[in-house]
Protein backbone atom coordinates (compact mmCIF):
# COMPACT_ATOMS: atom_id res chain seq x y z
CA MET A 1 0.34 -64.07 36.79
CA ALA A 2 -2.59 -62.02 36.53
CA GLU A 3 -0.90 -58.96 37.91
CA ARG A 4 2.09 -59.42 35.54
CA THR A 5 -0.51 -59.63 32.55
CA GLU A 6 -2.17 -56.43 33.68
CA GLU A 7 1.17 -54.77 34.19
CA LEU A 8 2.10 -55.90 30.86
CA ARG A 9 -1.18 -54.40 29.25
CA ARG A 10 -0.50 -51.13 30.77
CA ASP A 11 3.15 -50.76 29.58
CA ILE A 12 1.95 -51.94 25.85
CA GLU A 13 -0.94 -49.18 26.25
CA GLU A 14 1.42 -46.50 27.55
CA THR A 15 4.07 -47.62 24.54
CA ARG A 16 1.19 -47.35 22.00
CA ALA A 17 -0.02 -43.94 23.43
CA HIS A 18 3.82 -42.49 23.14
CA MET A 19 4.38 -44.18 19.68
CA SER A 20 1.10 -42.82 18.27
CA GLY A 21 2.25 -38.97 19.58
CA THR A 22 5.64 -39.79 17.93
CA LEU A 23 4.16 -40.97 14.68
CA ASP A 24 1.88 -38.01 14.66
CA GLN A 25 4.65 -35.69 15.06
CA ILE A 26 6.84 -37.34 12.39
CA GLY A 27 3.73 -37.14 10.02
CA ASP A 28 3.22 -33.45 10.85
CA ARG A 29 6.92 -33.04 10.18
CA VAL A 30 7.07 -34.63 6.75
CA SER A 31 3.77 -33.46 5.53
CA PRO A 32 4.15 -31.65 2.20
CA GLY A 33 1.46 -28.97 3.27
CA ARG A 34 3.30 -28.40 6.59
CA ILE A 35 6.77 -28.08 4.90
CA ALA A 36 5.37 -25.66 2.32
CA SER A 37 3.82 -23.70 5.16
CA ARG A 38 7.04 -23.42 7.02
CA ARG A 39 9.05 -22.60 4.05
CA TRP A 40 6.46 -19.69 3.66
CA GLN A 41 6.62 -18.60 6.98
CA GLY A 42 10.49 -18.45 6.71
CA VAL A 43 10.23 -16.46 3.49
CA ARG A 44 7.69 -13.88 5.04
CA ASP A 45 10.06 -13.59 8.21
CA TYR A 46 13.09 -13.08 5.94
CA GLY A 47 11.09 -10.34 3.92
CA SER A 48 10.09 -8.65 7.21
CA ARG A 49 13.47 -8.53 8.66
CA LEU A 50 14.75 -7.03 5.28
CA THR A 51 12.14 -4.56 5.42
CA THR A 52 12.82 -3.35 8.89
CA THR A 53 16.49 -3.31 7.93
CA VAL A 54 16.04 -1.27 5.12
CA MET A 55 13.12 1.00 6.15
CA GLY A 56 13.56 1.02 9.69
CA ALA A 57 11.05 0.06 12.48
CA PRO A 58 8.49 2.41 13.06
CA ARG A 59 9.11 4.61 16.09
CA ARG A 60 7.25 7.31 18.12
CA ALA A 61 8.57 10.86 18.08
CA ALA A 62 9.40 10.30 21.94
CA ASP A 63 11.54 7.14 20.78
CA LYS A 64 13.40 9.35 18.23
CA THR A 65 14.32 12.35 20.66
CA GLY A 66 15.26 9.74 23.47
CA GLY A 67 12.27 10.97 25.45
CA ALA A 68 14.59 13.62 27.15
CA ILE A 69 13.21 16.78 26.04
CA GLY A 70 10.76 17.32 28.70
CA ASP A 71 13.30 16.23 31.34
CA ALA A 72 15.92 18.80 29.93
CA GLN A 73 13.37 21.47 29.95
CA SER A 74 12.91 21.19 33.79
CA SER A 75 16.47 21.88 35.03
CA ALA A 76 20.03 22.58 33.71
CA SER A 77 21.40 19.62 35.29
CA ALA A 78 18.73 17.36 33.52
CA ALA A 79 19.88 19.07 30.07
CA ALA A 80 23.66 18.30 30.90
CA SER A 81 22.73 14.77 31.71
CA SER A 82 20.68 14.49 28.35
CA ALA A 83 23.64 15.87 26.34
CA ALA A 84 25.78 13.22 27.88
CA HIS A 85 23.21 10.66 27.18
CA ALA A 86 23.01 11.83 23.64
CA VAL A 87 26.60 11.67 22.97
CA ALA A 88 27.01 8.35 24.47
CA ASP A 89 24.12 7.29 22.14
CA ALA A 90 25.33 8.87 18.95
CA PRO A 91 26.92 5.59 17.50
CA GLU A 92 23.63 3.65 18.12
CA ARG A 93 21.50 6.54 16.46
CA VAL A 94 23.70 6.79 13.45
CA LYS A 95 23.40 2.88 12.84
CA GLU A 96 19.28 3.23 13.39
CA THR A 97 19.44 6.14 10.95
CA ALA A 98 21.60 4.44 8.33
CA SER A 99 19.53 1.20 8.79
CA GLY A 100 16.23 2.84 8.20
CA ASN A 101 17.04 5.24 5.40
CA PRO A 102 15.35 4.02 2.27
CA LEU A 103 16.42 6.95 0.32
CA ALA A 104 20.07 5.72 0.91
CA ALA A 105 19.26 2.09 0.21
CA GLY A 106 17.78 3.24 -3.08
CA ALA A 107 20.61 5.34 -4.01
CA VAL A 108 23.06 2.59 -3.35
CA ALA A 109 20.86 -0.12 -5.29
CA PHE A 110 20.84 2.55 -8.21
CA GLY A 111 24.51 2.94 -8.09
CA LEU A 112 25.22 -0.87 -8.11
CA GLY A 113 22.81 -1.01 -11.13
CA MET A 114 24.50 1.63 -13.10
CA LEU A 115 27.83 -0.04 -12.38
CA LEU A 116 26.70 -3.46 -13.55
CA GLY A 117 25.05 -1.93 -16.50
CA SER A 118 28.19 -0.02 -17.32
CA MET A 119 30.20 -3.29 -17.39
CA ALA A 120 27.98 -5.12 -19.74
CA ALA A 121 28.81 -4.92 -23.41
CA PRO A 122 26.13 -2.71 -25.27
CA SER A 123 23.90 -4.69 -27.62
CA ARG A 124 23.28 -4.13 -31.38
CA GLU A 125 20.03 -2.40 -30.72
CA GLU A 126 21.43 -0.25 -28.35
CA GLN A 127 24.47 0.80 -30.73
CA ARG A 128 21.95 1.50 -33.40
CA LEU A 129 20.13 3.53 -31.14
CA ALA A 130 23.07 5.58 -29.83
CA GLU A 131 24.15 6.19 -33.68
CA GLN A 132 20.73 7.56 -34.32
CA LEU A 133 20.58 9.93 -31.33
CA MET A 134 24.17 11.11 -32.16
CA GLU A 135 23.58 12.01 -35.92
CA PRO A 136 21.66 15.30 -35.16
CA VAL A 137 24.39 16.16 -32.40
CA LYS A 138 27.19 15.53 -34.70
CA SER A 139 25.58 17.53 -37.57
CA GLU A 140 25.00 20.41 -35.17
CA LEU A 141 28.55 20.26 -33.79
CA ALA A 142 30.12 20.44 -37.42
CA ASP A 143 27.81 23.37 -38.27
CA SER A 144 28.84 25.13 -35.10
CA GLY A 145 32.57 24.33 -35.75
CA ARG A 146 32.36 25.71 -39.18
């Protein structure tokens, strides 16, 4: 009977230890501070991925050339191999260049802004300012037409 009691106590202690760890994990999961921290980390990761997509990942000059320039200078066969490699890698390089081109991304954003801006109806203030700007032009055109 004493052995059974000891065995039960050990089982109870193991269960308590296991439950304590589980409760700690649950508390960590539902803690408002931890939730906010996980959300903030997700936003930072998304921003980092977006920046890398738009601006491109930083690369060394050797990476940009494929590291084959020195090899190509050593022999004609290496140059031919390098040219074949460059042709095979062309689609990937175009993709990398397009994804890391902030000027192209800015031009696209500017174009979208212009498109959306042209679709919106002008406000009264915009109409008034446009009329004020057009008055000198109208009079000048009328004078030159006479």
